[in-house]
Amino acid sequence: MKKVITGLICGLMLFISCPAALAYNPISLIINGNTINMDVQPQIIDGRVMVPARFVAEGLGATVQWDAAQNAVIITSGNTTQSVAPPASTTTPTVPTGNE
């Protein structure tokens, strides 16, 4: 009887853990119908999806450069250039949206 109860408990634990394993959905980046393969996986931080800017910009046809003197990323697309540098109080870069 002990073996039956032990087997039942083990089977129940295995059955309960399956949905958690199947719930994992990696984040994929799709631009214009093309899936972009990234070296670094996107992360969810405080409910926001953070993706590497280089892969997004290059996927949209822009070029990305690093300006070490200004500690800034420069993204150029056609005639438009955007420079993104971290604020002095943090190490997380922010991009102005024009609404501020």
PDB file of N, CA and C in Angstrom:
ATOM      1  N   MET A   1       0.813  -1.196   0.000  1.00  0.00           N
ATOM      2  CA  MET A   1       0.000   0.000   0.000  1.00  0.00           C
ATOM      3  C   MET A   1       0.860   1.265   0.000  1.00  0.00           C
ATOM      4  N   LYS A   2       1.991   1.207   0.720  1.00  0.00           N
ATOM      5  CA  LYS A   2       2.890   2.368   0.741  1.00  0.00           C
ATOM      6  C   LYS A   2       3.421   2.666  -0.657  1.00  0.00           C
ATOM      7  N   LYS A   3       3.729   1.622  -1.405  1.00  0.00           N
ATOM      8  CA  LYS A   3       4.257   1.819  -2.758  1.00  0.00           C
ATOM      9  C   LYS A   3       3.210   2.469  -3.663  1.00  0.00           C
ATOM     10  N   VAL A   4       1.974   2.104  -3.499  1.00  0.00           N
ATOM     11  CA  VAL A   4       0.903   2.671  -4.313  1.00  0.00           C
ATOM     12  C   VAL A   4       0.733   4.150  -3.990  1.00  0.00           C
ATOM     13  N   ILE A   5       0.727   4.494  -2.712  1.00  0.00           N
ATOM     14  CA  ILE A   5       0.573   5.891  -2.307  1.00  0.00           C
ATOM     15  C   ILE A   5       1.775   6.708  -2.754  1.00  0.00           C
ATOM     16  N   THR A   6       2.984   6.160  -2.588  1.00  0.00           N
ATOM     17  CA  THR A   6       4.194   6.864  -3.027  1.00  0.00           C
ATOM     18  C   THR A   6       4.163   7.076  -4.538  1.00  0.00           C
ATOM     19  N   GLY A   7       3.777   6.068  -5.283  1.00  0.00           N
ATOM     20  CA  GLY A   7       3.676   6.189  -6.736  1.00  0.00           C
ATOM     21  C   GLY A   7       2.630   7.207  -7.149  1.00  0.00           C
ATOM     22  N   LEU A   8       1.512   7.214  -6.447  1.00  0.00           N
ATOM     23  CA  LEU A   8       0.462   8.184  -6.728  1.00  0.00           C
ATOM     24  C   LEU A   8       0.931   9.607  -6.462  1.00  0.00           C
ATOM     25  N   ILE A   9       1.621   9.816  -5.363  1.00  0.00           N
ATOM     26  CA  ILE A   9       2.133  11.154  -5.029  1.00  0.00           C
ATOM     27  C   ILE A   9       3.168  11.594  -6.061  1.00  0.00           C
ATOM     28  N   CYS A  10       4.081  10.699  -6.442  1.00  0.00           N
ATOM     29  CA  CYS A  10       5.096  11.043  -7.456  1.00  0.00           C
ATOM     30  C   CYS A  10       4.436  11.372  -8.795  1.00  0.00           C
ATOM     31  N   GLY A  11       3.460  10.581  -9.190  1.00  0.00           N
ATOM     32  CA  GLY A  11       2.762  10.844 -10.443  1.00  0.00           C
ATOM     33  C   GLY A  11       2.003  12.154 -10.412  1.00  0.00           C
ATOM     34  N   LEU A  12       1.378  12.454  -9.283  1.00  0.00           N
ATOM     35  CA  LEU A  12       0.648  13.705  -9.137  1.00  0.00           C
ATOM     36  C   LEU A  12       1.592  14.899  -9.200  1.00  0.00           C
ATOM     37  N   MET A  13       2.738  14.798  -8.546  1.00  0.00           N
ATOM     38  CA  MET A  13       3.717  15.889  -8.581  1.00  0.00           C
ATOM     39  C   MET A  13       4.230  16.102 -10.001  1.00  0.00           C
ATOM     40  N   LEU A  14       4.471  15.028 -10.716  1.00  0.00           N
ATOM     41  CA  LEU A  14       4.937  15.130 -12.095  1.00  0.00           C
ATOM     42  C   LEU A  14       3.864  15.765 -12.981  1.00  0.00           C
ATOM     43  N   PHE A  15       2.628  15.368 -12.786  1.00  0.00           N
ATOM     44  CA  PHE A  15       1.517  15.906 -13.567  1.00  0.00           C
ATOM     45  C   PHE A  15       1.302  17.392 -13.295  1.00  0.00           C
ATOM     46  N   ILE A  16       1.437  17.804 -12.048  1.00  0.00           N
ATOM     47  CA  ILE A  16       1.231  19.207 -11.677  1.00  0.00           C
ATOM     48  C   ILE A  16       2.341  20.093 -12.222  1.00  0.00           C
ATOM     49  N   SER A  17       3.565  19.590 -12.339  1.00  0.00           N
ATOM     50  CA  SER A  17       4.689  20.418 -12.793  1.00  0.00           C
ATOM     51  C   SER A  17       4.729  20.588 -14.315  1.00  0.00           C
ATOM     52  N   CYS A  18       4.019  19.796 -15.079  1.00  0.00           N
ATOM     53  CA  CYS A  18       4.052  19.894 -16.543  1.00  0.00           C
ATOM     54  C   CYS A  18       3.562  21.238 -17.084  1.00  0.00           C
ATOM     55  N   PRO A  19       2.448  21.791 -16.623  1.00  0.00           N
ATOM     56  CA  PRO A  19       2.009  23.086 -17.169  1.00  0.00           C
ATOM     57  C   PRO A  19       3.031  24.202 -16.962  1.00  0.00           C
ATOM     58  N   ALA A  20       3.742  24.181 -15.855  1.00  0.00           N
ATOM     59  CA  ALA A  20       4.751  25.219 -15.616  1.00  0.00           C
ATOM     60  C   ALA A  20       5.874  25.112 -16.638  1.00  0.00           C
ATOM     61  N   ALA A  21       6.266  23.914 -16.985  1.00  0.00           N
ATOM     62  CA  ALA A  21       7.335  23.736 -17.967  1.00  0.00           C
ATOM     63  C   ALA A  21       6.858  24.122 -19.364  1.00  0.00           C
ATOM     64  N   LEU A  22       5.614  23.868 -19.665  1.00  0.00           N
ATOM     65  CA  LEU A  22       5.085  24.191 -20.987  1.00  0.00           C
ATOM     66  C   LEU A  22       4.738  25.672 -21.127  1.00  0.00           C
ATOM     67  N   ALA A  23       4.644  26.395 -20.028  1.00  0.00           N
ATOM     68  CA  ALA A  23       4.267  27.806 -20.070  1.00  0.00           C
ATOM     69  C   ALA A  23       5.404  28.709 -20.532  1.00  0.00           C
ATOM     70  N   TYR A  24       6.638  28.223 -20.583  1.00  0.00           N
ATOM     71  CA  TYR A  24       7.776  29.049 -20.983  1.00  0.00           C
ATOM     72  C   TYR A  24       7.683  29.370 -22.464  1.00  0.00           C
ATOM     73  N   ASN A  25       7.557  30.646 -22.792  1.00  0.00           N
ATOM     74  CA  ASN A  25       7.524  31.106 -24.177  1.00  0.00           C
ATOM     75  C   ASN A  25       8.638  32.118 -24.373  1.00  0.00           C
ATOM     76  N   PRO A  26       9.699  31.755 -25.071  1.00  0.00           N
ATOM     77  CA  PRO A  26      10.766  32.732 -25.289  1.00  0.00           C
ATOM     78  C   PRO A  26      10.259  33.893 -26.146  1.00  0.00           C
ATOM     79  N   ILE A  27      10.800  35.061 -25.893  1.00  0.00           N
ATOM     80  CA  ILE A  27      10.411  36.253 -26.639  1.00  0.00           C
ATOM     81  C   ILE A  27      11.155  36.242 -27.967  1.00  0.00           C
ATOM     82  N   SER A  28      10.432  36.429 -29.064  1.00  0.00           N
ATOM     83  CA  SER A  28      11.089  36.500 -30.365  1.00  0.00           C
ATOM     84  C   SER A  28      10.815  37.869 -30.978  1.00  0.00           C
ATOM     85  N   LEU A  29      11.773  38.345 -31.755  1.00  0.00           N
ATOM     86  CA  LEU A  29      11.668  39.650 -32.398  1.00  0.00           C
ATOM     87  C   LEU A  29      11.381  39.426 -33.877  1.00  0.00           C
ATOM     88  N   ILE A  30      10.238  39.928 -34.335  1.00  0.00           N
ATOM     89  CA  ILE A  30       9.844  39.778 -35.734  1.00  0.00           C
ATOM     90  C   ILE A  30       9.668  41.174 -36.319  1.00  0.00           C
ATOM     91  N   ILE A  31      10.455  41.486 -37.352  1.00  0.00           N
ATOM     92  CA  ILE A  31      10.387  42.782 -38.021  1.00  0.00           C
ATOM     93  C   ILE A  31      10.065  42.541 -39.487  1.00  0.00           C
ATOM     94  N   ASN A  32       8.958  43.119 -39.954  1.00  0.00           N
ATOM     95  CA  ASN A  32       8.507  42.964 -41.342  1.00  0.00           C
ATOM     96  C   ASN A  32       8.402  41.497 -41.749  1.00  0.00           C
ATOM     97  N   GLY A  33       7.931  40.657 -40.830  1.00  0.00           N
ATOM     98  CA  GLY A  33       7.745  39.245 -41.116  1.00  0.00           C
ATOM     99  C   GLY A  33       8.992  38.396 -40.988  1.00  0.00           C
ATOM    100  N   ASN A  34      10.136  38.999 -40.704  1.00  0.00           N
ATOM    101  CA  ASN A  34      11.388  38.254 -40.549  1.00  0.00           C
ATOM    102  C   ASN A  34      11.745  38.136 -39.077  1.00  0.00           C
ATOM    103  N   THR A  35      12.035  36.913 -38.625  1.00  0.00           N
ATOM    104  CA  THR A  35      12.458  36.706 -37.249  1.00  0.00           C
ATOM    105  C   THR A  35      13.925  37.083 -37.127  1.00  0.00           C
ATOM    106  N   ILE A  36      14.240  37.933 -36.157  1.00  0.00           N
ATOM    107  CA  ILE A  36      15.607  38.391 -35.927  1.00  0.00           C
ATOM    108  C   ILE A  36      16.225  37.534 -34.833  1.00  0.00           C
ATOM    109  N   ASN A  37      17.336  36.874 -35.146  1.00  0.00           N
ATOM    110  CA  ASN A  37      18.057  36.088 -34.152  1.00  0.00           C
ATOM    111  C   ASN A  37      18.999  37.006 -33.386  1.00  0.00           C
ATOM    112  N   MET A  38      18.908  36.955 -32.070  1.00  0.00           N
ATOM    113  CA  MET A  38      19.713  37.832 -31.227  1.00  0.00           C
ATOM    114  C   MET A  38      20.668  37.015 -30.375  1.00  0.00           C
ATOM    115  N   ASP A  39      21.857  37.566 -30.129  1.00  0.00           N
ATOM    116  CA  ASP A  39      22.827  36.915 -29.253  1.00  0.00           C
ATOM    117  C   ASP A  39      22.361  36.958 -27.801  1.00  0.00           C
ATOM    118  N   VAL A  40      21.674  38.032 -27.439  1.00  0.00           N
ATOM    119  CA  VAL A  40      21.188  38.228 -26.076  1.00  0.00           C
ATOM    120  C   VAL A  40      19.665  38.191 -26.119  1.00  0.00           C
ATOM    121  N   GLN A  41      19.067  37.360 -25.290  1.00  0.00           N
ATOM    122  CA  GLN A  41      17.615  37.249 -25.271  1.00  0.00           C
ATOM    123  C   GLN A  41      16.976  38.482 -24.635  1.00  0.00           C
ATOM    124  N   PRO A  42      15.827  38.906 -25.153  1.00  0.00           N
ATOM    125  CA  PRO A  42      15.094  40.000 -24.515  1.00  0.00           C
ATOM    126  C   PRO A  42      14.718  39.615 -23.086  1.00  0.00           C
ATOM    127  N   GLN A  43      14.595  40.607 -22.228  1.00  0.00           N
ATOM    128  CA  GLN A  43      14.233  40.370 -20.838  1.00  0.00           C
ATOM    129  C   GLN A  43      13.035  41.226 -20.477  1.00  0.00           C
ATOM    130  N   ILE A  44      12.229  40.731 -19.565  1.00  0.00           N
ATOM    131  CA  ILE A  44      11.111  41.513 -19.048  1.00  0.00           C
ATOM    132  C   ILE A  44      11.551  42.099 -17.715  1.00  0.00           C
ATOM    133  N   ILE A  45      11.603  43.432 -17.646  1.00  0.00           N
ATOM    134  CA  ILE A  45      12.012  44.136 -16.435  1.00  0.00           C
ATOM    135  C   ILE A  45      10.899  45.114 -16.081  1.00  0.00           C
ATOM    136  N   ASP A  46      10.332  44.962 -14.899  1.00  0.00           N
ATOM    137  CA  ASP A  46       9.232  45.814 -14.432  1.00  0.00           C
ATOM    138  C   ASP A  46       8.086  45.872 -15.440  1.00  0.00           C
ATOM    139  N   GLY A  47       7.761  44.733 -16.048  1.00  0.00           N
ATOM    140  CA  GLY A  47       6.645  44.665 -16.976  1.00  0.00           C
ATOM    141  C   GLY A  47       6.934  45.194 -18.369  1.00  0.00           C
ATOM    142  N   ARG A  48       8.185  45.578 -18.636  1.00  0.00           N
ATOM    143  CA  ARG A  48       8.557  46.075 -19.966  1.00  0.00           C
ATOM    144  C   ARG A  48       9.542  45.106 -20.605  1.00  0.00           C
ATOM    145  N   VAL A  49       9.393  44.910 -21.905  1.00  0.00           N
ATOM    146  CA  VAL A  49      10.308  44.027 -22.628  1.00  0.00           C
ATOM    147  C   VAL A  49      11.497  44.849 -23.097  1.00  0.00           C
ATOM    148  N   MET A  50      12.687  44.458 -22.654  1.00  0.00           N
ATOM    149  CA  MET A  50      13.924  45.133 -23.038  1.00  0.00           C
ATOM    150  C   MET A  50      14.622  44.282 -24.104  1.00  0.00           C
ATOM    151  N   VAL A  51      14.855  44.884 -25.261  1.00  0.00           N
ATOM    152  CA  VAL A  51      15.528  44.184 -26.351  1.00  0.00           C
ATOM    153  C   VAL A  51      16.808  44.928 -26.697  1.00  0.00           C
ATOM    154  N   PRO A  52      17.811  44.211 -27.213  1.00  0.00           N
ATOM    155  CA  PRO A  52      19.041  44.891 -27.625  1.00  0.00           C
ATOM    156  C   PRO A  52      18.756  45.863 -28.773  1.00  0.00           C
ATOM    157  N   ALA A  53      19.103  47.120 -28.588  1.00  0.00           N
ATOM    158  CA  ALA A  53      18.814  48.168 -29.572  1.00  0.00           C
ATOM    159  C   ALA A  53      19.481  47.898 -30.916  1.00  0.00           C
ATOM    160  N   ARG A  54      20.677  47.322 -30.901  1.00  0.00           N
ATOM    161  CA  ARG A  54      21.389  47.066 -32.155  1.00  0.00           C
ATOM    162  C   ARG A  54      20.574  46.161 -33.079  1.00  0.00           C
ATOM    163  N   PHE A  55      20.003  45.093 -32.539  1.00  0.00           N
ATOM    164  CA  PHE A  55      19.260  44.149 -33.372  1.00  0.00           C
ATOM    165  C   PHE A  55      17.988  44.775 -33.931  1.00  0.00           C
ATOM    166  N   VAL A  56      17.323  45.586 -33.121  1.00  0.00           N
ATOM    167  CA  VAL A  56      16.108  46.254 -33.595  1.00  0.00           C
ATOM    168  C   VAL A  56      16.456  47.260 -34.686  1.00  0.00           C
ATOM    169  N   ALA A  57      17.459  48.097 -34.426  1.00  0.00           N
ATOM    170  CA  ALA A  57      17.845  49.135 -35.394  1.00  0.00           C
ATOM    171  C   ALA A  57      18.324  48.518 -36.705  1.00  0.00           C
ATOM    172  N   GLU A  58      19.194  47.522 -36.614  1.00  0.00           N
ATOM    173  CA  GLU A  58      19.702  46.891 -37.838  1.00  0.00           C
ATOM    174  C   GLU A  58      18.595  46.128 -38.560  1.00  0.00           C
ATOM    175  N   GLY A  59      17.649  45.561 -37.813  1.00  0.00           N
ATOM    176  CA  GLY A  59      16.511  44.886 -38.433  1.00  0.00           C
ATOM    177  C   GLY A  59      15.629  45.848 -39.212  1.00  0.00           C
ATOM    178  N   LEU A  60      15.633  47.122 -38.799  1.00  0.00           N
ATOM    179  CA  LEU A  60      14.867  48.160 -39.500  1.00  0.00           C
ATOM    180  C   LEU A  60      15.692  48.865 -40.566  1.00  0.00           C
ATOM    181  N   GLY A  61      16.926  48.399 -40.798  1.00  0.00           N
ATOM    182  CA  GLY A  61      17.765  48.969 -41.850  1.00  0.00           C
ATOM    183  C   GLY A  61      18.624  50.134 -41.410  1.00  0.00           C
ATOM    184  N   ALA A  62      18.721  50.396 -40.133  1.00  0.00           N
ATOM    185  CA  ALA A  62      19.544  51.498 -39.627  1.00  0.00           C
ATOM    186  C   ALA A  62      20.951  50.995 -39.304  1.00  0.00           C
ATOM    187  N   THR A  63      21.877  51.932 -39.149  1.00  0.00           N
ATOM    188  CA  THR A  63      23.229  51.581 -38.722  1.00  0.00           C
ATOM    189  C   THR A  63      23.410  52.029 -37.279  1.00  0.00           C
ATOM    190  N   VAL A  64      24.234  51.290 -36.549  1.00  0.00           N
ATOM    191  CA  VAL A  64      24.466  51.576 -35.136  1.00  0.00           C
ATOM    192  C   VAL A  64      25.955  51.752 -34.918  1.00  0.00           C
ATOM    193  N   GLN A  65      26.313  52.837 -34.228  1.00  0.00           N
ATOM    194  CA  GLN A  65      27.717  53.108 -33.909  1.00  0.00           C
ATOM    195  C   GLN A  65      27.829  53.445 -32.433  1.00  0.00           C
ATOM    196  N   TRP A  66      29.022  53.255 -31.871  1.00  0.00           N
ATOM    197  CA  TRP A  66      29.294  53.602 -30.481  1.00  0.00           C
ATOM    198  C   TRP A  66      30.260  54.780 -30.454  1.00  0.00           C
ATOM    199  N   ASP A  67      29.889  55.852 -29.756  1.00  0.00           N
ATOM    200  CA  ASP A  67      30.743  57.025 -29.582  1.00  0.00           C
ATOM    201  C   ASP A  67      31.295  56.973 -28.161  1.00  0.00           C
ATOM    202  N   ALA A  68      32.519  56.477 -28.021  1.00  0.00           N
ATOM    203  CA  ALA A  68      33.122  56.312 -26.700  1.00  0.00           C
ATOM    204  C   ALA A  68      33.377  57.648 -26.019  1.00  0.00           C
ATOM    205  N   ALA A  69      33.680  58.687 -26.795  1.00  0.00           N
ATOM    206  CA  ALA A  69      33.962  59.999 -26.205  1.00  0.00           C
ATOM    207  C   ALA A  69      32.733  60.564 -25.494  1.00  0.00           C
ATOM    208  N   GLN A  70      31.555  60.349 -26.064  1.00  0.00           N
ATOM    209  CA  GLN A  70      30.319  60.861 -25.464  1.00  0.00           C
ATOM    210  C   GLN A  70      29.562  59.786 -24.682  1.00  0.00           C
ATOM    211  N   ASN A  71      30.097  58.566 -24.676  1.00  0.00           N
ATOM    212  CA  ASN A  71      29.439  57.437 -24.014  1.00  0.00           C
ATOM    213  C   ASN A  71      27.998  57.309 -24.529  1.00  0.00           C
ATOM    214  N   ALA A  72      27.862  57.286 -25.863  1.00  0.00           N
ATOM    215  CA  ALA A  72      26.533  57.301 -26.472  1.00  0.00           C
ATOM    216  C   ALA A  72      26.461  56.340 -27.653  1.00  0.00           C
ATOM    217  N   VAL A  73      25.261  55.872 -27.903  1.00  0.00           N
ATOM    218  CA  VAL A  73      24.970  55.056 -29.080  1.00  0.00           C
ATOM    219  C   VAL A  73      24.381  55.985 -30.133  1.00  0.00           C
ATOM    220  N   ILE A  74      24.854  55.862 -31.378  1.00  0.00           N
ATOM    221  CA  ILE A  74      24.351  56.685 -32.474  1.00  0.00           C
ATOM    222  C   ILE A  74      23.666  55.762 -33.477  1.00  0.00           C
ATOM    223  N   ILE A  75      22.373  56.001 -33.699  1.00  0.00           N
ATOM    224  CA  ILE A  75      21.587  55.201 -34.633  1.00  0.00           C
ATOM    225  C   ILE A  75      21.219  56.092 -35.809  1.00  0.00           C
ATOM    226  N   THR A  76      21.576  55.640 -37.031  1.00  0.00           N
ATOM    227  CA  THR A  76      21.322  56.423 -38.237  1.00  0.00           C
ATOM    228  C   THR A  76      20.454  55.616 -39.194  1.00  0.00           C
ATOM    229  N   SER A  77      19.379  56.245 -39.663  1.00  0.00           N
ATOM    230  CA  SER A  77      18.496  55.633 -40.648  1.00  0.00           C
ATOM    231  C   SER A  77      18.168  56.693 -41.688  1.00  0.00           C
ATOM    232  N   GLY A  78      18.697  56.517 -42.885  1.00  0.00           N
ATOM    233  CA  GLY A  78      18.485  57.512 -43.939  1.00  0.00           C
ATOM    234  C   GLY A  78      19.107  58.836 -43.545  1.00  0.00           C
ATOM    235  N   ASN A  79      18.302  59.896 -43.499  1.00  0.00           N
ATOM    236  CA  ASN A  79      18.789  61.223 -43.115  1.00  0.00           C
ATOM    237  C   ASN A  79      18.586  61.520 -41.634  1.00  0.00           C
ATOM    238  N   THR A  80      18.076  60.556 -40.875  1.00  0.00           N
ATOM    239  CA  THR A  80      17.778  60.770 -39.460  1.00  0.00           C
ATOM    240  C   THR A  80      18.840  60.118 -38.590  1.00  0.00           C
ATOM    241  N   THR A  81      19.356  60.890 -37.631  1.00  0.00           N
ATOM    242  CA  THR A  81      20.340  60.374 -36.685  1.00  0.00           C
ATOM    243  C   THR A  81      19.843  60.631 -35.272  1.00  0.00           C
ATOM    244  N   GLN A  82      19.913  59.600 -34.435  1.00  0.00           N
ATOM    245  CA  GLN A  82      19.498  59.720 -33.031  1.00  0.00           C
ATOM    246  C   GLN A  82      20.660  59.284 -32.155  1.00  0.00           C
ATOM    247  N   SER A  83      21.026  60.124 -31.211  1.00  0.00           N
ATOM    248  CA  SER A  83      22.086  59.799 -30.264  1.00  0.00           C
ATOM    249  C   SER A  83      21.444  59.496 -28.921  1.00  0.00           C
ATOM    250  N   VAL A  84      21.802  58.362 -28.329  1.00  0.00           N
ATOM    251  CA  VAL A  84      21.223  57.949 -27.052  1.00  0.00           C
ATOM    252  C   VAL A  84      22.350  57.763 -26.055  1.00  0.00           C
ATOM    253  N   ALA A  85      22.295  58.526 -24.973  1.00  0.00           N
ATOM    254  CA  ALA A  85      23.295  58.431 -23.912  1.00  0.00           C
ATOM    255  C   ALA A  85      22.576  58.270 -22.583  1.00  0.00           C
ATOM    256  N   PRO A  86      23.186  57.548 -21.644  1.00  0.00           N
ATOM    257  CA  PRO A  86      22.539  57.403 -20.337  1.00  0.00           C
ATOM    258  C   PRO A  86      22.557  58.723 -19.576  1.00  0.00           C
ATOM    259  N   PRO A  87      21.512  59.007 -18.815  1.00  0.00           N
ATOM    260  CA  PRO A  87      21.528  60.201 -17.970  1.00  0.00           C
ATOM    261  C   PRO A  87      22.636  60.088 -16.925  1.00  0.00           C
ATOM    262  N   ALA A  88      23.050  61.192 -16.362  1.00  0.00           N
ATOM    263  CA  ALA A  88      24.143  61.196 -15.392  1.00  0.00           C
ATOM    264  C   ALA A  88      23.806  60.409 -14.134  1.00  0.00           C
ATOM    265  N   SER A  89      22.527  60.282 -13.792  1.00  0.00           N
ATOM    266  CA  SER A  89      22.149  59.644 -12.537  1.00  0.00           C
ATOM    267  C   SER A  89      21.920  58.143 -12.641  1.00  0.00           C
ATOM    268  N   THR A  90      21.997  57.564 -13.830  1.00  0.00           N
ATOM    269  CA  THR A  90      21.718  56.141 -13.980  1.00  0.00           C
ATOM    270  C   THR A  90      22.576  55.550 -15.085  1.00  0.00           C
ATOM    271  N   THR A  91      22.646  54.217 -15.130  1.00  0.00           N
ATOM    272  CA  THR A  91      23.393  53.546 -16.190  1.00  0.00           C
ATOM    273  C   THR A  91      22.459  52.978 -17.246  1.00  0.00           C
ATOM    274  N   THR A  92      21.149  53.165 -17.097  1.00  0.00           N
ATOM    275  CA  THR A  92      20.187  52.665 -18.066  1.00  0.00           C
ATOM    276  C   THR A  92      19.877  53.746 -19.087  1.00  0.00           C
ATOM    277  N   PRO A  93      20.230  53.528 -20.385  1.00  0.00           N
ATOM    278  CA  PRO A  93      19.954  54.550 -21.399  1.00  0.00           C
ATOM    279  C   PRO A  93      18.452  54.744 -21.599  1.00  0.00           C
ATOM    280  N   THR A  94      18.059  55.969 -21.851  1.00  0.00           N
ATOM    281  CA  THR A  94      16.665  56.266 -22.156  1.00  0.00           C
ATOM    282  C   THR A  94      16.611  57.046 -23.458  1.00  0.00           C
ATOM    283  N   VAL A  95      15.546  56.840 -24.204  1.00  0.00           N
ATOM    284  CA  VAL A  95      15.371  57.525 -25.479  1.00  0.00           C
ATOM    285  C   VAL A  95      14.226  58.515 -25.330  1.00  0.00           C
ATOM    286  N   PRO A  96      14.455  59.804 -25.623  1.00  0.00           N
ATOM    287  CA  PRO A  96      13.356  60.769 -25.538  1.00  0.00           C
ATOM    288  C   PRO A  96      12.300  60.471 -26.592  1.00  0.00           C
ATOM    289  N   THR A  97      11.035  60.557 -26.205  1.00  0.00           N
ATOM    290  CA  THR A  97       9.949  60.223 -27.124  1.00  0.00           C
ATOM    291  C   THR A  97       9.320  61.441 -27.761  1.00  0.00           C
ATOM    292  N   GLY A  98       9.705  62.638 -27.332  1.00  0.00           N
ATOM    293  CA  GLY A  98       9.123  63.848 -27.878  1.00  0.00           C
ATOM    294  C   GLY A  98       7.904  64.309 -27.104  1.00  0.00           C
ATOM    295  N   ASN A  99       7.430  63.472 -26.171  1.00  0.00           N
ATOM    296  CA  ASN A  99       6.271  63.830 -25.352  1.00  0.00           C
ATOM    297  C   ASN A  99       6.678  64.477 -24.038  1.00  0.00           C
ATOM    298  N   GLU A 100       7.957  64.634 -23.822  1.00  0.00           N
ATOM    299  CA  GLU A 100       8.441  65.127 -22.533  1.00  0.00           C
ATOM    300  C   GLU A 100       8.769  66.584 -22.576  1.00  0.00           C
TER     301      GLU A 100
END
